[in-house]
Amino acid sequence: MEPAMANTQVNLYEAKTHLSSLVERAAKGEEIVIAKAGKPMARLLPMTAEEMAPQPLRKFGQNLLGITYIADDFDAPLPEDVLRDFGL
């Protein structure tokens, strides 16, 4: 594991002006702290190998929650009392 590079603090204006070079420095391992009026507000950090790894594809037929079941009557008309509750 590489030793961590020293933190660098830049003001917001400088960060906006030099964002591209700051991102390059962070990608090389430097931690960049962005401050507003001298108060640290955010950090630029390099992404970890885990964060950069491709995400596995979802299984066919699954949504993001992993739900694979849809009731047979999913698209059936709603009962009259439910329609009334919705003012229909």
N, C-alpha and C. Protein backbone atom coordinates (compact mmCIF):
# COMPACT_ATOMS: atom_id res chain seq x y z
N MET A 1 0.85 -1.19 0.00
CA MET A 1 0.00 0.00 0.00
C MET A 1 0.89 1.24 0.00
N GLU A 2 0.53 2.20 -0.85
CA GLU A 2 1.32 3.42 -0.95
C GLU A 2 1.08 4.32 0.26
N PRO A 3 2.10 5.06 0.70
CA PRO A 3 1.87 6.00 1.80
C PRO A 3 0.97 7.13 1.32
N ALA A 4 0.12 7.61 2.22
CA ALA A 4 -0.79 8.70 1.86
C ALA A 4 0.00 9.98 1.65
N MET A 5 -0.39 10.73 0.63
CA MET A 5 0.25 12.01 0.38
C MET A 5 -0.35 13.05 1.32
N ALA A 6 0.35 14.11 1.52
CA ALA A 6 -0.11 15.17 2.42
C ALA A 6 -1.38 15.80 1.88
N ASN A 7 -2.22 16.27 2.81
CA ASN A 7 -3.43 16.99 2.43
C ASN A 7 -3.07 18.36 1.87
N THR A 8 -3.86 18.80 0.92
CA THR A 8 -3.71 20.15 0.38
C THR A 8 -5.06 20.82 0.51
N GLN A 9 -5.10 22.03 1.04
CA GLN A 9 -6.36 22.77 1.13
C GLN A 9 -6.35 23.90 0.12
N VAL A 10 -7.43 23.99 -0.66
CA VAL A 10 -7.58 25.08 -1.64
C VAL A 10 -8.91 25.76 -1.40
N ASN A 11 -8.99 27.03 -1.75
CA ASN A 11 -10.26 27.72 -1.59
C ASN A 11 -11.17 27.37 -2.76
N LEU A 12 -12.44 27.63 -2.61
CA LEU A 12 -13.44 27.24 -3.60
C LEU A 12 -13.16 27.85 -4.96
N TYR A 13 -12.78 29.12 -5.00
CA TYR A 13 -12.49 29.77 -6.28
C TYR A 13 -11.34 29.07 -6.99
N GLU A 14 -10.28 28.76 -6.25
CA GLU A 14 -9.13 28.06 -6.83
C GLU A 14 -9.55 26.67 -7.31
N ALA A 15 -10.40 26.01 -6.54
CA ALA A 15 -10.86 24.68 -6.93
C ALA A 15 -11.65 24.73 -8.24
N LYS A 16 -12.51 25.75 -8.38
CA LYS A 16 -13.27 25.88 -9.62
C LYS A 16 -12.35 26.18 -10.79
N THR A 17 -11.36 27.00 -10.55
CA THR A 17 -10.44 27.40 -11.61
C THR A 17 -9.53 26.26 -12.04
N HIS A 18 -9.12 25.41 -11.10
CA HIS A 18 -8.13 24.37 -11.37
C HIS A 18 -8.68 22.96 -11.13
N LEU A 19 -9.99 22.78 -11.32
CA LEU A 19 -10.61 21.49 -10.99
C LEU A 19 -9.94 20.32 -11.71
N SER A 20 -9.66 20.47 -12.98
CA SER A 20 -9.08 19.36 -13.75
C SER A 20 -7.75 18.91 -13.15
N SER A 21 -6.88 19.85 -12.84
CA SER A 21 -5.57 19.46 -12.28
C SER A 21 -5.72 18.92 -10.86
N LEU A 22 -6.68 19.43 -10.10
CA LEU A 22 -6.91 18.92 -8.75
C LEU A 22 -7.42 17.48 -8.79
N VAL A 23 -8.28 17.18 -9.76
CA VAL A 23 -8.78 15.81 -9.91
C VAL A 23 -7.63 14.88 -10.28
N GLU A 24 -6.74 15.33 -11.15
CA GLU A 24 -5.57 14.52 -11.51
C GLU A 24 -4.70 14.24 -10.29
N ARG A 25 -4.49 15.26 -9.46
CA ARG A 25 -3.67 15.08 -8.26
C ARG A 25 -4.34 14.12 -7.30
N ALA A 26 -5.65 14.23 -7.14
CA ALA A 26 -6.38 13.33 -6.25
C ALA A 26 -6.31 11.90 -6.78
N ALA A 27 -6.41 11.73 -8.09
CA ALA A 27 -6.34 10.39 -8.68
C ALA A 27 -4.99 9.73 -8.41
N LYS A 28 -3.96 10.54 -8.21
CA LYS A 28 -2.62 10.01 -7.92
C LYS A 28 -2.43 9.76 -6.43
N GLY A 29 -3.45 10.03 -5.61
CA GLY A 29 -3.37 9.70 -4.20
C GLY A 29 -3.38 10.88 -3.25
N GLU A 30 -3.35 12.08 -3.77
CA GLU A 30 -3.33 13.26 -2.89
C GLU A 30 -4.75 13.58 -2.43
N GLU A 31 -4.90 13.92 -1.17
CA GLU A 31 -6.19 14.35 -0.65
C GLU A 31 -6.27 15.86 -0.78
N ILE A 32 -7.29 16.33 -1.48
CA ILE A 32 -7.49 17.76 -1.68
C ILE A 32 -8.70 18.19 -0.87
N VAL A 33 -8.52 19.15 0.03
CA VAL A 33 -9.62 19.68 0.83
C VAL A 33 -10.03 21.01 0.21
N ILE A 34 -11.33 21.14 -0.06
CA ILE A 34 -11.85 22.38 -0.63
C ILE A 34 -12.53 23.16 0.49
N ALA A 35 -12.11 24.42 0.64
CA ALA A 35 -12.61 25.25 1.74
C ALA A 35 -13.34 26.47 1.19
N LYS A 36 -14.28 26.96 1.96
CA LYS A 36 -15.00 28.19 1.64
C LYS A 36 -14.82 29.12 2.82
N ALA A 37 -14.25 30.26 2.58
CA ALA A 37 -13.95 31.23 3.63
C ALA A 37 -13.09 30.58 4.72
N GLY A 38 -12.16 29.71 4.31
CA GLY A 38 -11.25 29.07 5.24
C GLY A 38 -11.81 27.87 5.96
N LYS A 39 -13.12 27.57 5.76
CA LYS A 39 -13.75 26.45 6.44
C LYS A 39 -13.80 25.25 5.48
N PRO A 40 -13.18 24.12 5.84
CA PRO A 40 -13.21 22.94 4.97
C PRO A 40 -14.65 22.51 4.69
N MET A 41 -14.96 22.28 3.41
CA MET A 41 -16.32 21.93 3.01
C MET A 41 -16.41 20.57 2.31
N ALA A 42 -15.34 20.15 1.61
CA ALA A 42 -15.39 18.90 0.85
C ALA A 42 -13.98 18.37 0.66
N ARG A 43 -13.90 17.09 0.28
CA ARG A 43 -12.60 16.46 0.00
C ARG A 43 -12.64 15.77 -1.35
N LEU A 44 -11.57 15.89 -2.10
CA LEU A 44 -11.35 15.10 -3.31
C LEU A 44 -10.41 13.98 -2.93
N LEU A 45 -10.84 12.74 -3.18
CA LEU A 45 -10.04 11.57 -2.84
C LEU A 45 -9.95 10.67 -4.06
N PRO A 46 -8.90 9.87 -4.16
CA PRO A 46 -8.85 8.90 -5.26
C PRO A 46 -9.90 7.82 -5.03
N MET A 47 -10.43 7.29 -6.11
CA MET A 47 -11.37 6.19 -6.00
C MET A 47 -10.60 4.91 -5.69
N THR A 48 -11.21 4.03 -4.93
CA THR A 48 -10.59 2.75 -4.61
C THR A 48 -10.79 1.79 -5.78
N ALA A 49 -10.01 0.73 -5.81
CA ALA A 49 -10.14 -0.28 -6.86
C ALA A 49 -11.54 -0.88 -6.83
N GLU A 50 -12.08 -1.05 -5.64
CA GLU A 50 -13.43 -1.61 -5.50
C GLU A 50 -14.48 -0.69 -6.14
N GLU A 51 -14.34 0.61 -5.94
CA GLU A 51 -15.28 1.57 -6.52
C GLU A 51 -15.19 1.62 -8.04
N MET A 52 -14.01 1.35 -8.57
CA MET A 52 -13.81 1.42 -10.02
C MET A 52 -14.13 0.10 -10.71
N ALA A 53 -14.32 -0.99 -9.95
CA ALA A 53 -14.61 -2.30 -10.55
C ALA A 53 -15.99 -2.27 -11.20
N PRO A 54 -16.11 -2.95 -12.33
CA PRO A 54 -17.43 -2.98 -12.99
C PRO A 54 -18.46 -3.65 -12.08
N GLN A 55 -19.66 -3.11 -12.10
CA GLN A 55 -20.74 -3.67 -11.28
C GLN A 55 -21.36 -4.86 -12.00
N PRO A 56 -21.73 -5.90 -11.26
CA PRO A 56 -22.35 -7.06 -11.91
C PRO A 56 -23.70 -6.67 -12.52
N LEU A 57 -24.02 -7.29 -13.63
CA LEU A 57 -25.30 -7.02 -14.28
C LEU A 57 -26.42 -7.67 -13.46
N ARG A 58 -27.58 -7.06 -13.52
CA ARG A 58 -28.74 -7.64 -12.85
C ARG A 58 -29.17 -8.89 -13.59
N LYS A 59 -29.81 -9.79 -12.86
CA LYS A 59 -30.39 -10.97 -13.48
C LYS A 59 -31.58 -10.53 -14.32
N PHE A 60 -31.77 -11.18 -15.45
CA PHE A 60 -32.91 -10.84 -16.31
C PHE A 60 -34.20 -11.02 -15.54
N GLY A 61 -35.09 -10.04 -15.66
CA GLY A 61 -36.39 -10.12 -15.01
C GLY A 61 -36.41 -9.57 -13.60
N GLN A 62 -35.30 -9.07 -13.10
CA GLN A 62 -35.26 -8.50 -11.75
C GLN A 62 -35.19 -6.98 -11.84
N ASN A 63 -35.86 -6.33 -10.92
CA ASN A 63 -35.68 -4.89 -10.81
C ASN A 63 -34.57 -4.62 -9.81
N LEU A 64 -34.31 -3.38 -9.50
CA LEU A 64 -33.21 -3.04 -8.60
C LEU A 64 -33.38 -3.60 -7.20
N LEU A 65 -34.60 -3.86 -6.80
CA LEU A 65 -34.84 -4.41 -5.47
C LEU A 65 -34.79 -5.93 -5.47
N GLY A 66 -34.63 -6.55 -6.64
CA GLY A 66 -34.58 -7.99 -6.71
C GLY A 66 -35.95 -8.65 -6.76
N ILE A 67 -37.00 -7.85 -6.97
CA ILE A 67 -38.35 -8.41 -7.01
C ILE A 67 -38.56 -9.10 -8.36
N THR A 68 -38.99 -10.35 -8.29
CA THR A 68 -39.18 -11.09 -9.53
C THR A 68 -40.62 -11.58 -9.69
N TYR A 69 -41.49 -11.26 -8.74
CA TYR A 69 -42.86 -11.76 -8.77
C TYR A 69 -43.81 -10.62 -9.10
N ILE A 70 -44.72 -10.88 -10.03
CA ILE A 70 -45.81 -9.97 -10.33
C ILE A 70 -47.09 -10.79 -10.29
N ALA A 71 -48.06 -10.34 -9.53
CA ALA A 71 -49.32 -11.07 -9.38
C ALA A 71 -50.02 -11.19 -10.73
N ASP A 72 -50.75 -12.29 -10.90
CA ASP A 72 -51.49 -12.52 -12.16
C ASP A 72 -52.51 -11.42 -12.42
N ASP A 73 -53.09 -10.86 -11.35
CA ASP A 73 -54.11 -9.83 -11.52
C ASP A 73 -53.54 -8.41 -11.38
N PHE A 74 -52.24 -8.26 -11.60
CA PHE A 74 -51.58 -6.96 -11.45
C PHE A 74 -52.30 -5.85 -12.20
N ASP A 75 -52.71 -6.11 -13.43
CA ASP A 75 -53.31 -5.07 -14.25
C ASP A 75 -54.84 -5.19 -14.32
N ALA A 76 -55.42 -5.95 -13.39
CA ALA A 76 -56.88 -6.08 -13.35
C ALA A 76 -57.49 -4.77 -12.86
N PRO A 77 -58.74 -4.50 -13.26
CA PRO A 77 -59.41 -3.28 -12.78
C PRO A 77 -59.48 -3.26 -11.25
N LEU A 78 -59.40 -2.09 -10.68
CA LEU A 78 -59.48 -1.95 -9.22
C LEU A 78 -60.92 -2.12 -8.76
N PRO A 79 -61.11 -2.63 -7.52
CA PRO A 79 -62.47 -2.75 -6.99
C PRO A 79 -63.12 -1.37 -6.84
N GLU A 80 -64.44 -1.35 -6.88
CA GLU A 80 -65.20 -0.09 -6.81
C GLU A 80 -64.87 0.72 -5.56
N ASP A 81 -64.71 0.06 -4.39
CA ASP A 81 -64.44 0.80 -3.16
C ASP A 81 -63.08 1.49 -3.20
N VAL A 82 -62.09 0.88 -3.86
CA VAL A 82 -60.76 1.50 -4.00
C VAL A 82 -60.85 2.68 -4.95
N LEU A 83 -61.57 2.52 -6.04
CA LEU A 83 -61.76 3.63 -6.99
C LEU A 83 -62.44 4.82 -6.30
N ARG A 84 -63.46 4.52 -5.45
CA ARG A 84 -64.14 5.59 -4.72
C ARG A 84 -63.16 6.32 -3.79
N ASP A 85 -62.29 5.55 -3.11
CA ASP A 85 -61.31 6.16 -2.20
C ASP A 85 -60.39 7.14 -2.93
N PHE A 86 -60.13 6.87 -4.20
CA PHE A 86 -59.30 7.77 -5.00
C PHE A 86 -60.12 8.84 -5.72
N GLY A 87 -61.42 8.86 -5.45
CA GLY A 87 -62.27 9.88 -6.05
C GLY A 87 -62.56 9.62 -7.53
N LEU A 88 -62.48 8.38 -7.93
CA LEU A 88 -62.73 8.04 -9.34
C LEU A 88 -64.06 7.36 -9.52
